[in-house]
Each structure stands twice: as structure tokens, then as C-alpha cells.
Amino acid sequence: MAKLLPLQSFSLQETEDGYRLLVSAIGGESLYVSITPDQMDDIIDSLENAMGGEADGTEAEDDDGF
């Protein structure tokens, strides 16, 4: 198993085929990965689930009903 390092920074760029994610760890090297639009949707859903938010792809309405 790879050594777990603390996150230093990340950046996300849109590409013609999806996205490019750069992840840098404290004391480690940077890593670029390509992400398809479907994978990006899965990442967003996972983050929403971890934060206790909406996980069904719909956004919660604000107080004005929009």
C-alpha cells in the first residue's frame, strides 16, 4: 500500500475529453490524472455524501424556492 501523505494542494482544469486533476502532497511528488465527466460526477457525489449533503444529483432549494 502506498504511504499516505497530507494534501498540500490540488487544481482542476477542464480539457476536451473531461478534466485534468493535479494533486500535490506535503513531502511528496505531484501527480496528474485525467478524469472523465462520469468520473467527475462520481467524485462530486462522493464529496456530497461525505459532507452529508444532497446525493441524488438535485440541489436543495434556497429560502426563495429557487
PDB file of N, CA and C in Angstrom:
ATOM      1  N   MET A   1       0.844  -1.176   0.000  1.00  0.00           N
ATOM      2  CA  MET A   1       0.000   0.000   0.000  1.00  0.00           C
ATOM      3  C   MET A   1       0.891   1.243   0.000  1.00  0.00           C
ATOM      4  N   ALA A   2       0.486   2.256  -0.730  1.00  0.00           N
ATOM      5  CA  ALA A   2       1.243   3.496  -0.813  1.00  0.00           C
ATOM      6  C   ALA A   2       1.165   4.248   0.513  1.00  0.00           C
ATOM      7  N   LYS A   3       2.235   4.977   0.810  1.00  0.00           N
ATOM      8  CA  LYS A   3       2.285   5.784   2.027  1.00  0.00           C
ATOM      9  C   LYS A   3       1.285   6.930   1.909  1.00  0.00           C
ATOM     10  N   LEU A   4       0.518   7.160   2.943  1.00  0.00           N
ATOM     11  CA  LEU A   4      -0.473   8.227   2.974  1.00  0.00           C
ATOM     12  C   LEU A   4       0.204   9.531   3.375  1.00  0.00           C
ATOM     13  N   LEU A   5       0.140  10.531   2.489  1.00  0.00           N
ATOM     14  CA  LEU A   5       0.743  11.839   2.746  1.00  0.00           C
ATOM     15  C   LEU A   5      -0.345  12.898   2.827  1.00  0.00           C
ATOM     16  N   PRO A   6      -0.164  13.951   3.638  1.00  0.00           N
ATOM     17  CA  PRO A   6      -1.156  15.023   3.731  1.00  0.00           C
ATOM     18  C   PRO A   6      -1.211  15.839   2.434  1.00  0.00           C
ATOM     19  N   LEU A   7      -2.408  16.242   2.065  1.00  0.00           N
ATOM     20  CA  LEU A   7      -2.630  17.054   0.877  1.00  0.00           C
ATOM     21  C   LEU A   7      -2.003  18.431   1.051  1.00  0.00           C
ATOM     22  N   GLN A   8      -1.252  18.858   0.048  1.00  0.00           N
ATOM     23  CA  GLN A   8      -0.699  20.212   0.045  1.00  0.00           C
ATOM     24  C   GLN A   8      -1.568  21.119  -0.814  1.00  0.00           C
ATOM     25  N   SER A   9      -1.896  20.661  -2.037  1.00  0.00           N
ATOM     26  CA  SER A   9      -2.729  21.455  -2.927  1.00  0.00           C
ATOM     27  C   SER A   9      -3.310  20.575  -4.023  1.00  0.00           C
ATOM     28  N   PHE A  10      -4.317  21.113  -4.702  1.00  0.00           N
ATOM     29  CA  PHE A  10      -4.862  20.451  -5.877  1.00  0.00           C
ATOM     30  C   PHE A  10      -5.420  21.507  -6.810  1.00  0.00           C
ATOM     31  N   SER A  11      -5.472  21.168  -8.088  1.00  0.00           N
ATOM     32  CA  SER A  11      -6.101  22.050  -9.055  1.00  0.00           C
ATOM     33  C   SER A  11      -6.809  21.200 -10.090  1.00  0.00           C
ATOM     34  N   LEU A  12      -7.843  21.752 -10.660  1.00  0.00           N
ATOM     35  CA  LEU A  12      -8.665  21.044 -11.627  1.00  0.00           C
ATOM     36  C   LEU A  12      -8.788  21.910 -12.865  1.00  0.00           C
ATOM     37  N   GLN A  13      -8.548  21.308 -14.020  1.00  0.00           N
ATOM     38  CA  GLN A  13      -8.674  22.024 -15.287  1.00  0.00           C
ATOM     39  C   GLN A  13      -9.573  21.222 -16.212  1.00  0.00           C
ATOM     40  N   GLU A  14     -10.440  21.918 -16.944  1.00  0.00           N
ATOM     41  CA  GLU A  14     -11.285  21.253 -17.918  1.00  0.00           C
ATOM     42  C   GLU A  14     -10.487  21.028 -19.198  1.00  0.00           C
ATOM     43  N   THR A  15     -10.638  19.858 -19.804  1.00  0.00           N
ATOM     44  CA  THR A  15      -9.974  19.518 -21.054  1.00  0.00           C
ATOM     45  C   THR A  15     -11.038  19.166 -22.093  1.00  0.00           C
ATOM     46  N   GLU A  16     -10.608  18.869 -23.317  1.00  0.00           N
ATOM     47  CA  GLU A  16     -11.546  18.485 -24.363  1.00  0.00           C
ATOM     48  C   GLU A  16     -12.272  17.187 -24.028  1.00  0.00           C
ATOM     49  N   ASP A  17     -11.586  16.282 -23.318  1.00  0.00           N
ATOM     50  CA  ASP A  17     -12.142  14.963 -23.009  1.00  0.00           C
ATOM     51  C   ASP A  17     -12.716  14.840 -21.601  1.00  0.00           C
ATOM     52  N   GLY A  18     -12.585  15.851 -20.787  1.00  0.00           N
ATOM     53  CA  GLY A  18     -13.045  15.771 -19.405  1.00  0.00           C
ATOM     54  C   GLY A  18     -12.311  16.755 -18.540  1.00  0.00           C
ATOM     55  N   TYR A  19     -11.493  16.249 -17.629  1.00  0.00           N
ATOM     56  CA  TYR A  19     -10.794  17.097 -16.676  1.00  0.00           C
ATOM     57  C   TYR A  19      -9.386  16.571 -16.418  1.00  0.00           C
ATOM     58  N   ARG A  20      -8.527  17.457 -15.951  1.00  0.00           N
ATOM     59  CA  ARG A  20      -7.178  17.085 -15.515  1.00  0.00           C
ATOM     60  C   ARG A  20      -7.038  17.572 -14.089  1.00  0.00           C
ATOM     61  N   LEU A  21      -6.670  16.659 -13.201  1.00  0.00           N
ATOM     62  CA  LEU A  21      -6.528  16.954 -11.781  1.00  0.00           C
ATOM     63  C   LEU A  21      -5.059  16.852 -11.397  1.00  0.00           C
ATOM     64  N   LEU A  22      -4.549  17.882 -10.759  1.00  0.00           N
ATOM     65  CA  LEU A  22      -3.195  17.883 -10.207  1.00  0.00           C
ATOM     66  C   LEU A  22      -3.317  17.816  -8.697  1.00  0.00           C
ATOM     67  N   VAL A  23      -2.680  16.823  -8.106  1.00  0.00           N
ATOM     68  CA  VAL A  23      -2.686  16.655  -6.649  1.00  0.00           C
ATOM     69  C   VAL A  23      -1.246  16.678  -6.169  1.00  0.00           C
ATOM     70  N   SER A  24      -0.970  17.497  -5.164  1.00  0.00           N
ATOM     71  CA  SER A  24       0.364  17.585  -4.568  1.00  0.00           C
ATOM     72  C   SER A  24       0.259  17.270  -3.088  1.00  0.00           C
ATOM     73  N   ALA A  25       1.187  16.454  -2.618  1.00  0.00           N
ATOM     74  CA  ALA A  25       1.215  16.083  -1.207  1.00  0.00           C
ATOM     75  C   ALA A  25       2.410  16.740  -0.534  1.00  0.00           C
ATOM     76  N   ILE A  26       2.271  17.033   0.751  1.00  0.00           N
ATOM     77  CA  ILE A  26       3.383  17.561   1.532  1.00  0.00           C
ATOM     78  C   ILE A  26       4.442  16.464   1.615  1.00  0.00           C
ATOM     79  N   GLY A  27       5.646  16.775   1.205  1.00  0.00           N
ATOM     80  CA  GLY A  27       6.730  15.806   1.254  1.00  0.00           C
ATOM     81  C   GLY A  27       6.682  14.769   0.154  1.00  0.00           C
ATOM     82  N   GLY A  28       5.849  14.980  -0.857  1.00  0.00           N
ATOM     83  CA  GLY A  28       5.735  14.013  -1.941  1.00  0.00           C
ATOM     84  C   GLY A  28       5.736  14.705  -3.293  1.00  0.00           C
ATOM     85  N   GLU A  29       5.607  13.906  -4.319  1.00  0.00           N
ATOM     86  CA  GLU A  29       5.585  14.436  -5.665  1.00  0.00           C
ATOM     87  C   GLU A  29       4.168  14.804  -6.075  1.00  0.00           C
ATOM     88  N   SER A  30       4.085  15.610  -7.144  1.00  0.00           N
ATOM     89  CA  SER A  30       2.787  15.952  -7.720  1.00  0.00           C
ATOM     90  C   SER A  30       2.362  14.861  -8.689  1.00  0.00           C
ATOM     91  N   LEU A  31       1.059  14.709  -8.845  1.00  0.00           N
ATOM     92  CA  LEU A  31       0.514  13.681  -9.712  1.00  0.00           C
ATOM     93  C   LEU A  31      -0.618  14.281 -10.536  1.00  0.00           C
ATOM     94  N   TYR A  32      -0.537  14.115 -11.864  1.00  0.00           N
ATOM     95  CA  TYR A  32      -1.629  14.497 -12.753  1.00  0.00           C
ATOM     96  C   TYR A  32      -2.443  13.259 -13.082  1.00  0.00           C
ATOM     97  N   VAL A  33      -3.776  13.383 -13.061  1.00  0.00           N
ATOM     98  CA  VAL A  33      -4.646  12.305 -13.505  1.00  0.00           C
ATOM     99  C   VAL A  33      -5.722  12.888 -14.410  1.00  0.00           C
ATOM    100  N   SER A  34      -6.136  12.100 -15.396  1.00  0.00           N
ATOM    101  CA  SER A  34      -7.246  12.520 -16.251  1.00  0.00           C
ATOM    102  C   SER A  34      -8.531  11.936 -15.687  1.00  0.00           C
ATOM    103  N   ILE A  35      -9.612  12.692 -15.790  1.00  0.00           N
ATOM    104  CA  ILE A  35     -10.890  12.301 -15.227  1.00  0.00           C
ATOM    105  C   ILE A  35     -11.963  12.493 -16.298  1.00  0.00           C
ATOM    106  N   THR A  36     -12.783  11.470 -16.513  1.00  0.00           N
ATOM    107  CA  THR A  36     -13.887  11.590 -17.455  1.00  0.00           C
ATOM    108  C   THR A  36     -15.028  12.370 -16.789  1.00  0.00           C
ATOM    109  N   PRO A  37     -15.944  12.907 -17.593  1.00  0.00           N
ATOM    110  CA  PRO A  37     -17.098  13.595 -16.985  1.00  0.00           C
ATOM    111  C   PRO A  37     -17.887  12.696 -16.030  1.00  0.00           C
ATOM    112  N   ASP A  38     -18.057  11.406 -16.362  1.00  0.00           N
ATOM    113  CA  ASP A  38     -18.767  10.494 -15.460  1.00  0.00           C
ATOM    114  C   ASP A  38     -18.017  10.296 -14.147  1.00  0.00           C
ATOM    115  N   GLN A  39     -16.685  10.216 -14.223  1.00  0.00           N
ATOM    116  CA  GLN A  39     -15.895  10.090 -13.002  1.00  0.00           C
ATOM    117  C   GLN A  39     -16.006  11.353 -12.158  1.00  0.00           C
ATOM    118  N   MET A  40     -16.053  12.526 -12.809  1.00  0.00           N
ATOM    119  CA  MET A  40     -16.204  13.786 -12.081  1.00  0.00           C
ATOM    120  C   MET A  40     -17.543  13.795 -11.348  1.00  0.00           C
ATOM    121  N   ASP A  41     -18.600  13.334 -12.007  1.00  0.00           N
ATOM    122  CA  ASP A  41     -19.902  13.245 -11.342  1.00  0.00           C
ATOM    123  C   ASP A  41     -19.831  12.337 -10.118  1.00  0.00           C
ATOM    124  N   ASP A  42     -19.134  11.205 -10.247  1.00  0.00           N
ATOM    125  CA  ASP A  42     -18.976  10.289  -9.116  1.00  0.00           C
ATOM    126  C   ASP A  42     -18.200  10.934  -7.973  1.00  0.00           C
ATOM    127  N   ILE A  43     -17.164  11.702  -8.304  1.00  0.00           N
ATOM    128  CA  ILE A  43     -16.377  12.408  -7.284  1.00  0.00           C
ATOM    129  C   ILE A  43     -17.261  13.411  -6.551  1.00  0.00           C
ATOM    130  N   ILE A  44     -18.036  14.180  -7.300  1.00  0.00           N
ATOM    131  CA  ILE A  44     -18.923  15.179  -6.696  1.00  0.00           C
ATOM    132  C   ILE A  44     -19.938  14.496  -5.777  1.00  0.00           C
ATOM    133  N   ASP A  45     -20.533  13.393  -6.254  1.00  0.00           N
ATOM    134  CA  ASP A  45     -21.493  12.656  -5.425  1.00  0.00           C
ATOM    135  C   ASP A  45     -20.835  12.145  -4.143  1.00  0.00           C
ATOM    136  N   SER A  46     -19.620  11.639  -4.257  1.00  0.00           N
ATOM    137  CA  SER A  46     -18.913  11.130  -3.075  1.00  0.00           C
ATOM    138  C   SER A  46     -18.640  12.243  -2.071  1.00  0.00           C
ATOM    139  N   LEU A  47     -18.229  13.409  -2.568  1.00  0.00           N
ATOM    140  CA  LEU A  47     -17.985  14.544  -1.676  1.00  0.00           C
ATOM    141  C   LEU A  47     -19.272  14.997  -1.002  1.00  0.00           C
ATOM    142  N   GLU A  48     -20.361  15.048  -1.762  1.00  0.00           N
ATOM    143  CA  GLU A  48     -21.640  15.435  -1.168  1.00  0.00           C
ATOM    144  C   GLU A  48     -22.069  14.444  -0.090  1.00  0.00           C
ATOM    145  N   ASN A  49     -21.886  13.159  -0.361  1.00  0.00           N
ATOM    146  CA  ASN A  49     -22.223  12.140   0.644  1.00  0.00           C
ATOM    147  C   ASN A  49     -21.371  12.300   1.893  1.00  0.00           C
ATOM    148  N   ALA A  50     -20.077  12.550   1.718  1.00  0.00           N
ATOM    149  CA  ALA A  50     -19.177  12.703   2.856  1.00  0.00           C
ATOM    150  C   ALA A  50     -19.530  13.935   3.690  1.00  0.00           C
ATOM    151  N   MET A  51     -20.057  14.969   3.027  1.00  0.00           N
ATOM    152  CA  MET A  51     -20.403  16.206   3.723  1.00  0.00           C
ATOM    153  C   MET A  51     -21.851  16.186   4.230  1.00  0.00           C
ATOM    154  N   GLY A  52     -22.574  15.102   3.956  1.00  0.00           N
ATOM    155  CA  GLY A  52     -23.948  14.992   4.436  1.00  0.00           C
ATOM    156  C   GLY A  52     -24.939  15.778   3.610  1.00  0.00           C
ATOM    157  N   GLY A  53     -24.578  16.141   2.375  1.00  0.00           N
ATOM    158  CA  GLY A  53     -25.471  16.929   1.519  1.00  0.00           C
ATOM    159  C   GLY A  53     -26.315  16.065   0.621  1.00  0.00           C
ATOM    160  N   GLU A  54     -26.901  16.714  -0.372  1.00  0.00           N
ATOM    161  CA  GLU A  54     -27.741  16.037  -1.354  1.00  0.00           C
ATOM    162  C   GLU A  54     -26.899  15.074  -2.174  1.00  0.00           C
ATOM    163  N   ALA A  55     -27.322  13.831  -2.299  1.00  0.00           N
ATOM    164  CA  ALA A  55     -26.561  12.827  -3.044  1.00  0.00           C
ATOM    165  C   ALA A  55     -27.303  12.327  -4.271  1.00  0.00           C
ATOM    166  N   ASP A  56     -28.528  12.827  -4.521  1.00  0.00           N
ATOM    167  CA  ASP A  56     -29.314  12.300  -5.632  1.00  0.00           C
ATOM    168  C   ASP A  56     -29.171  13.132  -6.900  1.00  0.00           C
ATOM    169  N   GLY A  57     -28.227  14.086  -6.927  1.00  0.00           N
ATOM    170  CA  GLY A  57     -27.997  14.890  -8.113  1.00  0.00           C
ATOM    171  C   GLY A  57     -28.850  16.141  -8.170  1.00  0.00           C
ATOM    172  N   THR A  58     -29.737  16.346  -7.198  1.00  0.00           N
ATOM    173  CA  THR A  58     -30.547  17.555  -7.181  1.00  0.00           C
ATOM    174  C   THR A  58     -29.995  18.493  -6.127  1.00  0.00           C
ATOM    175  N   GLU A  59     -30.148  19.757  -6.378  1.00  0.00           N
ATOM    176  CA  GLU A  59     -29.673  20.740  -5.418  1.00  0.00           C
ATOM    177  C   GLU A  59     -30.820  21.155  -4.509  1.00  0.00           C
ATOM    178  N   ALA A  60     -30.495  21.415  -3.281  1.00  0.00           N
ATOM    179  CA  ALA A  60     -31.508  21.870  -2.334  1.00  0.00           C
ATOM    180  C   ALA A  60     -31.962  23.277  -2.710  1.00  0.00           C
ATOM    181  N   GLU A  61     -33.267  23.542  -2.521  1.00  0.00           N
ATOM    182  CA  GLU A  61     -33.790  24.880  -2.811  1.00  0.00           C
ATOM    183  C   GLU A  61     -33.383  25.826  -1.694  1.00  0.00           C
ATOM    184  N   ASP A  62     -33.134  27.085  -2.062  1.00  0.00           N
ATOM    185  CA  ASP A  62     -32.856  28.069  -1.030  1.00  0.00           C
ATOM    186  C   ASP A  62     -34.189  28.604  -0.493  1.00  0.00           C
ATOM    187  N   ASP A  63     -34.143  29.567   0.392  1.00  0.00           N
ATOM    188  CA  ASP A  63     -35.337  30.070   1.057  1.00  0.00           C
ATOM    189  C   ASP A  63     -36.329  30.696   0.101  1.00  0.00           C
ATOM    190  N   ASP A  64     -35.878  31.170  -1.086  1.00  0.00           N
ATOM    191  CA  ASP A  64     -36.762  31.799  -2.055  1.00  0.00           C
ATOM    192  C   ASP A  64     -37.444  30.782  -2.959  1.00  0.00           C
ATOM    193  N   GLY A  65     -37.129  29.491  -2.824  1.00  0.00           N
ATOM    194  CA  GLY A  65     -37.753  28.465  -3.645  1.00  0.00           C
ATOM    195  C   GLY A  65     -37.087  28.275  -4.993  1.00  0.00           C
ATOM    196  N   PHE A  66     -35.926  28.857  -5.196  1.00  0.00           N
ATOM    197  CA  PHE A  66     -35.214  28.721  -6.480  1.00  0.00           C
ATOM    198  C   PHE A  66     -34.131  27.706  -6.397  1.00  0.00           C
TER     199      PHE A  66
END
